[in-house]
Amino acid sequence: MAITVRQLADLVGGTVVGDGELVIQSARTLQEAQRGDVTFLEKPTHLNKLQASQASASIVPRGLVCETKTLIQVADPLMAFVAVVQRFQGKATPKPTGIDTRACVHPGATIGEAPSIAANVHIGAGTTLGKRCRLYPGVVIGENCKLGDDVTLYPNVVLYDDTVLGDRVVIHASAILGADGFGYRFHDGAHHKVPQLGNVVIGNDVEIGAGTAIDRATFGSTVIGDGCKIDNQVQIGHNCKIGKHNVFAAQVGIAGSSTTGAYVVMAGQVGIADHIHVGDGAILGAQTGIHSDVPPRARMIWAPAFEEHEAWRLFACLRKLPAMRKDVMRILKELQLDQPETEAPAA
């Protein structure tokens, strides 16, 4: 599929710098692009890579200049490039397919208009689906669940009883929402299960990655706020309250009854102890271990966690420890030579 640079610029609302009639055959990343391709560049610091590439044209930030390439200047090169790739792929929005005859939908369930429900989907009694919900094979939805409009559940997603999803929620394969929280009491030499009587409530525009587990509350609700983006294999414990627009990378683990403010970012493998609060806008680096409350807009790293500026000072000291130890051993040796031990006087 061939298209001119000017047509691509019109598609993404960009400004052409160079030959607008240049014909583009495909869209590829900077590392893969060849002649006839359009690519993209997000950071001006990588301009040398663009100059060295074989790409014929590039989508770049506004104001960036590259004399060797035809450019499309936009506010957000990455999202513009996504639109261009989708244009070349020609993928249309999937059309509703109805309810497959091999799906098991309880007569007491309510299904909104224009559904797409695949084979081997199970929907329990009292559950309500909004409009245009798309359920892939193997999805299991328990009783008395409520799904908003335009929800997408990929293969083998499981929603336990009473789970609530907002509008435009996307849940990827094998995620499990509403399983029992990890609650036990030790009594008479055995662990006794505390009944988990709450549910899970997911806000609007939330995306949840493959293999993620979000436990139901002991009482009340485990809540995920609007706009949260949760990566694969994340564990969120019972009674947690996650604020709006949080972003969690893979393998984050949040223990029960913890809470977060809005716009919190957690990198891969962050661990949060129970009953912790993480303030608005806090950023937690990879593998950070949090054992006490985090103030708003803090930047934390390491386990146990330190403020970023303090952690780097400690790290600088740690790197010097071998040399410091060598100096101490040398000093001790010199002191022993200069001041030899004397025999203790006789009693």
Protein backbone atom coordinates (compact mmCIF):
# COMPACT_ATOMS: atom_id res chain seq x y z
CA MET A 1 0.00 0.00 0.00
CA ALA A 2 1.66 3.22 -1.18
CA ILE A 3 0.83 6.65 0.24
CA THR A 4 2.51 10.05 0.04
CA VAL A 5 4.17 11.87 2.93
CA ARG A 6 1.60 14.65 2.63
CA GLN A 7 -1.26 12.17 3.02
CA LEU A 8 0.39 10.73 6.11
CA ALA A 9 0.87 14.23 7.51
CA ASP A 10 -2.84 14.93 6.99
CA LEU A 11 -3.63 11.68 8.81
CA VAL A 12 -1.65 12.64 11.93
CA GLY A 13 -2.09 16.42 11.82
CA GLY A 14 1.59 17.03 11.10
CA THR A 15 3.65 19.55 9.15
CA VAL A 16 5.70 18.41 6.15
CA VAL A 17 9.31 19.55 5.87
CA GLY A 18 10.72 18.40 2.52
CA ASP A 19 9.14 16.46 -0.34
CA GLY A 20 5.44 16.05 0.49
CA GLU A 21 4.89 14.00 -2.71
CA LEU A 22 7.45 11.39 -1.71
CA VAL A 23 5.79 7.96 -1.91
CA ILE A 24 6.02 5.76 1.19
CA GLN A 25 5.62 1.99 0.94
CA SER A 26 5.72 0.95 4.61
CA ALA A 27 6.27 2.08 8.21
CA ARG A 28 9.11 0.56 10.24
CA THR A 29 11.13 1.37 13.34
CA LEU A 30 14.39 3.28 13.08
CA GLN A 31 16.46 0.10 13.36
CA GLU A 32 14.52 -1.71 10.61
CA ALA A 33 13.61 1.06 8.17
CA GLN A 34 14.76 0.87 4.53
CA ARG A 35 14.38 3.14 1.50
CA GLY A 36 10.72 3.86 0.86
CA ASP A 37 9.85 3.55 4.56
CA VAL A 38 8.70 6.11 7.10
CA THR A 39 10.02 5.83 10.66
CA PHE A 40 9.83 7.97 13.80
CA LEU A 41 12.14 9.68 16.26
CA GLU A 42 11.06 10.76 19.74
CA LYS A 43 14.25 12.28 21.16
CA PRO A 44 16.33 14.92 19.35
CA THR A 45 19.41 13.45 21.09
CA HIS A 46 19.11 10.47 18.72
CA LEU A 47 19.20 12.60 15.57
CA ASN A 48 22.47 10.96 14.49
CA LYS A 49 20.68 7.60 14.33
CA LEU A 50 18.04 9.06 12.04
CA GLN A 51 20.69 10.59 9.80
CA ALA A 52 22.42 7.20 9.52
CA SER A 53 19.23 5.24 8.80
CA GLN A 54 17.98 4.17 5.37
CA ALA A 55 14.47 5.57 5.97
CA SER A 56 13.12 7.96 3.36
CA ALA A 57 11.02 9.96 5.82
CA SER A 58 10.52 10.30 9.53
CA ILE A 59 7.92 11.51 12.01
CA VAL A 60 9.70 13.81 14.47
CA PRO A 61 8.97 16.33 17.26
CA ARG A 62 7.95 19.81 16.18
CA GLY A 63 10.93 22.03 15.47
CA LEU A 64 13.40 19.20 14.79
CA VAL A 65 15.35 19.53 11.52
CA CYS A 66 17.16 16.85 9.54
CA GLU A 67 18.41 18.00 6.14
CA THR A 68 18.89 14.46 4.81
CA LYS A 69 15.27 13.30 5.40
CA THR A 70 11.75 14.39 4.56
CA LEU A 71 10.05 15.05 7.88
CA ILE A 72 6.57 15.09 9.38
CA GLN A 73 6.69 17.29 12.48
CA VAL A 74 4.09 16.47 15.16
CA ALA A 75 3.53 16.98 18.89
CA ASP A 76 3.75 13.25 19.74
CA PRO A 77 5.83 11.21 17.28
CA LEU A 78 5.13 7.83 18.91
CA MET A 79 1.35 8.10 18.79
CA ALA A 80 1.49 9.53 15.27
CA PHE A 81 3.61 6.57 14.18
CA VAL A 82 1.07 4.18 15.74
CA ALA A 83 -1.65 5.77 13.60
CA VAL A 84 0.53 5.44 10.50
CA VAL A 85 1.29 1.75 11.19
CA GLN A 86 -2.41 1.07 11.66
CA ARG A 87 -3.09 2.83 8.35
CA PHE A 88 -0.64 0.56 6.53
CA GLN A 89 -1.94 -2.57 8.25
CA GLY A 90 -5.49 -1.66 7.30
CA LYS A 91 -6.97 -3.34 10.38
CA ALA A 92 -10.63 -2.48 10.79
CA THR A 93 -12.49 -2.37 14.09
CA PRO A 94 -13.86 -5.90 14.76
CA LYS A 95 -17.57 -6.20 14.09
CA PRO A 96 -19.97 -7.74 16.61
CA THR A 97 -20.34 -11.48 16.20
CA GLY A 98 -23.27 -12.19 18.51
CA ILE A 99 -23.30 -15.09 20.96
CA ASP A 100 -21.66 -18.34 19.91
CA THR A 101 -23.92 -21.36 20.31
CA ARG A 102 -21.18 -23.08 22.34
CA ALA A 103 -21.18 -20.32 24.97
CA CYS A 104 -22.98 -20.98 28.26
CA VAL A 105 -25.04 -17.92 29.20
CA HIS A 106 -27.34 -18.30 32.20
CA PRO A 107 -30.95 -17.36 31.47
CA GLY A 108 -30.78 -14.92 34.37
CA ALA A 109 -27.91 -12.96 32.80
CA THR A 110 -28.52 -9.73 30.88
CA ILE A 111 -26.52 -9.08 27.71
CA GLY A 112 -26.26 -5.61 26.19
CA GLU A 113 -26.59 -4.82 22.50
CA ALA A 114 -24.00 -5.79 19.86
CA PRO A 115 -22.09 -8.41 21.91
CA SER A 116 -19.27 -10.66 20.75
CA ILE A 117 -19.27 -13.75 22.94
CA ALA A 118 -17.06 -16.60 21.77
CA ALA A 119 -17.22 -20.35 22.27
CA ASN A 120 -16.73 -21.80 25.77
CA VAL A 121 -17.54 -18.53 27.53
CA HIS A 122 -19.49 -19.01 30.78
CA ILE A 123 -21.68 -16.23 32.19
CA GLY A 124 -23.38 -16.75 35.56
CA ALA A 125 -26.81 -15.88 36.89
CA GLY A 126 -27.58 -12.25 37.65
CA THR A 127 -24.63 -10.92 35.65
CA THR A 128 -25.12 -7.86 33.44
CA LEU A 129 -23.05 -6.96 30.37
CA GLY A 130 -23.11 -3.48 28.84
CA LYS A 131 -23.07 -2.65 25.15
CA ARG A 132 -20.50 -3.98 22.69
CA CYS A 133 -18.71 -6.25 25.14
CA ARG A 134 -16.21 -8.63 23.55
CA LEU A 135 -15.48 -11.91 25.36
CA TYR A 136 -12.87 -14.28 23.91
CA PRO A 137 -12.89 -18.09 24.27
CA GLY A 138 -12.66 -19.53 27.75
CA VAL A 139 -13.77 -16.43 29.67
CA VAL A 140 -15.58 -17.29 32.91
CA ILE A 141 -17.80 -14.69 34.59
CA GLY A 142 -19.41 -15.61 37.90
CA GLU A 143 -22.75 -14.61 39.33
CA ASN A 144 -23.97 -11.04 39.90
CA CYS A 145 -21.11 -9.39 38.05
CA LYS A 146 -21.59 -6.08 36.28
CA LEU A 147 -19.66 -5.09 33.14
CA GLY A 148 -19.86 -1.63 31.56
CA ASP A 149 -19.88 -0.76 27.87
CA ASP A 150 -17.09 -1.71 25.45
CA VAL A 151 -15.38 -4.16 27.81
CA THR A 152 -12.88 -6.60 26.29
CA LEU A 153 -11.91 -9.83 28.08
CA TYR A 154 -9.22 -11.90 26.39
CA PRO A 155 -9.02 -15.73 26.56
CA ASN A 156 -9.38 -17.44 29.93
CA VAL A 157 -10.03 -14.32 31.99
CA VAL A 158 -11.89 -15.22 35.19
CA LEU A 159 -14.19 -12.85 37.08
CA TYR A 160 -15.38 -14.24 40.40
CA ASP A 161 -18.87 -13.47 41.71
CA ASP A 162 -19.85 -9.82 42.27
CA THR A 163 -16.96 -8.30 40.28
CA VAL A 164 -17.71 -4.86 38.79
CA LEU A 165 -16.01 -3.46 35.67
CA GLY A 166 -16.41 0.09 34.36
CA ASP A 167 -16.60 1.18 30.74
CA ARG A 168 -13.84 0.43 28.22
CA VAL A 169 -11.99 -1.97 30.52
CA VAL A 170 -9.49 -4.30 28.82
CA ILE A 171 -8.32 -7.43 30.63
CA HIS A 172 -5.70 -9.64 29.02
CA ALA A 173 -5.45 -13.43 28.97
CA SER A 174 -5.61 -15.49 32.17
CA ALA A 175 -6.02 -12.55 34.55
CA ILE A 176 -8.11 -13.40 37.62
CA LEU A 177 -10.24 -10.85 39.45
CA GLY A 178 -12.04 -11.56 42.69
CA ALA A 179 -10.24 -14.64 44.01
CA ASP A 180 -10.09 -14.92 47.80
CA GLY A 181 -7.67 -12.66 49.59
CA PHE A 182 -4.83 -14.25 51.56
CA GLY A 183 -6.40 -14.03 55.00
CA TYR A 184 -5.83 -16.56 57.81
CA ARG A 185 -5.78 -16.67 61.63
CA PHE A 186 -3.44 -19.01 63.49
CA HIS A 187 -5.29 -20.80 66.29
CA ASP A 188 -4.72 -24.08 68.12
CA GLY A 189 -1.77 -25.01 65.95
CA ALA A 190 -3.47 -24.46 62.57
CA HIS A 191 -4.19 -21.71 60.04
CA HIS A 192 -7.90 -20.96 59.85
CA LYS A 193 -9.29 -19.18 56.79
CA VAL A 194 -10.96 -15.80 57.26
CA PRO A 195 -13.98 -15.70 54.90
CA GLN A 196 -13.51 -13.19 52.09
CA LEU A 197 -16.90 -11.55 51.73
CA GLY A 198 -16.20 -8.46 49.59
CA ASN A 199 -15.65 -7.94 45.88
CA VAL A 200 -13.49 -6.20 43.25
CA VAL A 201 -14.47 -2.91 41.58
CA ILE A 202 -12.59 -1.70 38.49
CA GLY A 203 -13.01 1.88 37.23
CA ASN A 204 -13.35 3.17 33.67
CA ASP A 205 -10.58 2.94 31.04
CA VAL A 206 -8.50 0.45 33.03
CA GLU A 207 -6.21 -2.05 31.29
CA ILE A 208 -5.01 -5.15 33.16
CA GLY A 209 -2.21 -7.37 31.88
CA ALA A 210 -2.02 -11.11 31.34
CA GLY A 211 -1.76 -13.31 34.41
CA THR A 212 -2.51 -10.52 36.87
CA ALA A 213 -4.49 -11.32 40.04
CA ILE A 214 -6.61 -8.83 42.01
CA ASP A 215 -8.12 -10.29 45.19
CA ARG A 216 -11.58 -9.59 46.53
CA ALA A 217 -11.87 -7.66 49.78
CA THR A 218 -12.49 -9.31 53.12
CA PHE A 219 -15.33 -6.80 53.57
CA GLY A 220 -16.27 -4.01 51.17
CA SER A 221 -14.35 -3.70 47.89
CA THR A 222 -10.87 -3.89 46.48
CA VAL A 223 -10.86 -0.87 44.14
CA ILE A 224 -8.83 0.03 41.05
CA GLY A 225 -9.29 3.67 40.04
CA ASP A 226 -10.14 5.09 36.61
CA GLY A 227 -7.42 5.06 33.98
CA CYS A 228 -5.03 2.65 35.72
CA LYS A 229 -2.67 0.62 33.53
CA ILE A 230 -1.50 -2.63 35.12
CA ASP A 231 1.11 -4.84 33.47
CA ASN A 232 1.40 -8.64 33.37
CA GLN A 233 1.75 -10.83 36.49
CA VAL A 234 0.89 -8.15 39.03
CA GLN A 235 -0.60 -9.15 42.40
CA ILE A 236 -2.92 -6.75 44.24
CA GLY A 237 -4.09 -7.99 47.62
CA HIS A 238 -7.46 -7.79 49.33
CA ASN A 239 -8.88 -4.46 50.52
CA CYS A 240 -6.43 -2.39 48.45
CA LYS A 241 -7.59 0.97 47.14
CA ILE A 242 -5.63 2.05 44.03
CA GLY A 243 -6.01 5.68 42.98
CA LYS A 244 -6.70 7.05 39.51
CA HIS A 245 -4.23 6.74 36.63
CA ASN A 246 -1.66 4.59 38.42
CA VAL A 247 0.83 2.68 36.25
CA PHE A 248 2.28 -0.63 37.51
CA ALA A 249 4.95 -2.57 35.59
CA ALA A 250 5.32 -6.35 35.58
CA GLN A 251 5.51 -8.38 38.79
CA VAL A 252 4.55 -5.60 41.17
CA GLY A 253 3.21 -7.06 44.41
CA ILE A 254 0.93 -5.04 46.72
CA ALA A 255 -0.07 -6.57 50.03
CA GLY A 256 -3.52 -6.28 51.55
CA SER A 257 -5.15 -3.04 52.71
CA SER A 258 -2.59 -0.80 51.01
CA THR A 259 -3.67 2.38 49.24
CA THR A 260 -2.26 4.71 46.61
CA GLY A 261 -3.01 8.25 45.51
CA ALA A 262 -3.37 9.38 41.91
CA TYR A 263 -0.69 9.09 39.21
CA VAL A 264 1.56 6.70 41.14
CA VAL A 265 4.19 4.85 39.06
CA MET A 266 5.68 1.51 40.14
CA ALA A 267 8.45 -0.08 38.08
CA GLY A 268 9.00 -3.83 37.75
CA GLN A 269 8.99 -6.04 40.86
CA VAL A 270 8.17 -3.29 43.35
CA GLY A 271 6.95 -4.79 46.62
CA ILE A 272 4.53 -3.02 48.97
CA ALA A 273 3.93 -4.24 52.54
CA ASP A 274 0.41 -4.35 53.95
CA HIS A 275 -1.42 -1.26 55.26
CA ILE A 276 0.93 1.13 53.39
CA HIS A 277 -0.12 4.38 51.70
CA VAL A 278 1.75 5.69 48.64
CA GLY A 279 1.08 9.38 48.02
CA ASP A 280 0.02 11.15 44.82
CA GLY A 281 2.57 11.20 42.03
CA ALA A 282 5.15 9.01 43.78
CA ILE A 283 7.58 7.07 41.58
CA LEU A 284 9.00 3.76 42.83
CA GLY A 285 12.00 2.34 40.96
CA ALA A 286 12.44 -1.30 39.97
CA GLN A 287 12.56 -3.80 42.85
CA THR A 288 11.95 -1.12 45.48
CA GLY A 289 10.74 -2.56 48.79
CA ILE A 290 8.26 -0.31 50.60
CA HIS A 291 7.75 -0.88 54.35
CA SER A 292 6.41 2.53 55.41
CA ASP A 293 4.19 5.23 53.94
CA VAL A 294 5.53 7.14 50.92
CA PRO A 295 4.89 10.89 50.77
CA PRO A 296 3.41 12.55 47.66
CA ARG A 297 5.76 12.99 44.67
CA ALA A 298 8.58 11.06 46.36
CA ARG A 299 11.06 9.13 44.20
CA MET A 300 12.12 5.92 45.94
CA ILE A 301 14.58 3.15 45.06
CA TRP A 302 16.20 0.11 46.70
CA ALA A 303 15.00 -2.41 49.27
CA PRO A 304 14.44 -1.28 51.91
CA ALA A 305 13.45 1.93 50.15
CA PHE A 306 15.31 5.23 50.33
CA GLU A 307 14.64 8.58 48.73
CA GLU A 308 16.44 8.53 45.38
CA HIS A 309 18.99 11.24 46.20
CA GLU A 310 19.85 9.58 49.53
CA ALA A 311 20.08 6.13 47.95
CA TRP A 312 22.63 7.30 45.39
CA ARG A 313 24.78 8.80 48.13
CA LEU A 314 24.67 5.48 49.99
CA PHE A 315 25.52 3.63 46.81
CA ALA A 316 28.53 5.87 46.26
CA CYS A 317 29.72 5.02 49.77
CA LEU A 318 29.18 1.30 49.22
CA ARG A 319 31.37 1.38 46.12
CA LYS A 320 34.19 2.83 48.22
CA LEU A 321 33.96 0.20 50.97
CA PRO A 322 36.57 -2.22 49.52
CA ALA A 323 39.17 0.55 49.27
CA MET A 324 38.24 1.86 52.71
CA ARG A 325 38.60 -1.64 54.16
CA LYS A 326 42.02 -1.97 52.56
CA ASP A 327 43.09 1.33 54.11
CA VAL A 328 41.79 0.29 57.54
CA MET A 329 43.62 -3.03 57.39
CA ARG A 330 46.81 -1.22 56.41
CA ILE A 331 46.45 1.23 59.29
CA LEU A 332 45.81 -1.58 61.78
CA LYS A 333 48.86 -3.40 60.55
CA GLU A 334 50.99 -0.27 60.92
CA LEU A 335 49.66 0.33 64.43
CA GLN A 336 50.53 -3.21 65.40
CA LEU A 337 54.10 -2.73 64.09
CA ASP A 338 54.57 0.65 65.75
CA GLN A 339 53.02 -0.43 69.05
CA PRO A 340 53.81 -4.10 69.57
CA GLU A 341 51.86 -5.86 72.23
CA THR A 342 53.68 -6.32 75.57
CA GLU A 343 53.30 -9.23 77.90
CA ALA A 344 50.96 -8.64 80.78
CA PRO A 345 52.72 -8.20 84.14
CA ALA A 346 52.84 -11.22 86.41
CA ALA A 347 50.16 -11.35 89.06
